[in-house]
Amino acid sequence: MRRLTDLISESFIWGVGITRPRPGQERMAALYITATLVASILAAVGMFFLLLHRI
């Protein structure tokens, strides 16, 4: 079974259409893409709760 980060990376590459990483750089790219997506989701949830608290 493939790692979760590899699946997320592959889905992101196919879904968004970004350029594939160079051979040997796939693992680092998968970690970077996964971390960026998780940070974006956490930021959106944080903003939601911040706005919810202010209203």
Protein backbone atom coordinates (compact mmCIF):
# COMPACT_ATOMS: atom_id res chain seq x y z
CA MET A 1 0.00 0.00 0.00
CA ARG A 2 1.20 3.46 -0.85
CA ARG A 3 1.72 6.11 1.78
CA LEU A 4 -1.03 8.62 2.46
CA THR A 5 1.22 11.52 1.46
CA ASP A 6 1.94 9.84 -1.88
CA LEU A 7 -1.78 9.41 -2.56
CA ILE A 8 -2.51 13.03 -1.66
CA SER A 9 0.37 14.23 -3.80
CA GLU A 10 -0.68 12.15 -6.79
CA SER A 11 -4.28 13.33 -6.46
CA PHE A 12 -3.14 16.94 -6.27
CA ILE A 13 -0.87 16.56 -9.30
CA TRP A 14 -3.69 15.05 -11.38
CA GLY A 15 -6.46 17.30 -10.01
CA VAL A 16 -4.72 20.66 -10.15
CA GLY A 17 -2.34 19.88 -12.98
CA ILE A 18 0.95 20.90 -11.41
CA THR A 19 4.24 19.71 -12.86
CA ARG A 20 5.53 16.39 -11.58
CA PRO A 21 8.57 16.54 -9.30
CA ARG A 22 11.93 15.43 -10.62
CA PRO A 23 12.94 11.81 -10.08
CA GLY A 24 14.29 11.44 -6.56
CA GLN A 25 12.31 14.43 -5.28
CA GLU A 26 8.90 12.71 -5.10
CA ARG A 27 9.00 12.11 -1.33
CA MET A 28 9.88 15.71 -0.48
CA ALA A 29 7.24 17.01 -2.90
CA ALA A 30 4.61 14.72 -1.35
CA LEU A 31 5.43 16.00 2.14
CA TYR A 32 5.38 19.62 0.96
CA ILE A 33 2.03 19.26 -0.85
CA THR A 34 0.45 17.46 2.11
CA ALA A 35 1.72 20.04 4.61
CA THR A 36 0.49 22.91 2.43
CA LEU A 37 -2.98 21.37 2.07
CA VAL A 38 -3.26 20.65 5.80
CA ALA A 39 -2.13 24.19 6.66
CA SER A 40 -4.69 25.65 4.24
CA ILE A 41 -7.50 23.60 5.74
CA LEU A 42 -6.48 24.56 9.29
CA ALA A 43 -6.32 28.24 8.32
CA ALA A 44 -9.80 28.08 6.78
CA VAL A 45 -11.23 26.35 9.86
CA GLY A 46 -9.48 28.86 12.11
CA MET A 47 -10.91 31.80 10.16
CA PHE A 48 -14.37 30.22 10.32
CA PHE A 49 -14.24 29.94 14.10
CA LEU A 50 -12.77 33.43 14.44
CA LEU A 51 -15.58 34.93 12.37
CA LEU A 52 -18.17 32.79 14.15
CA HIS A 53 -16.93 34.06 17.51
CA ARG A 54 -17.01 37.72 16.38
CA ILE A 55 -20.58 37.60 15.03
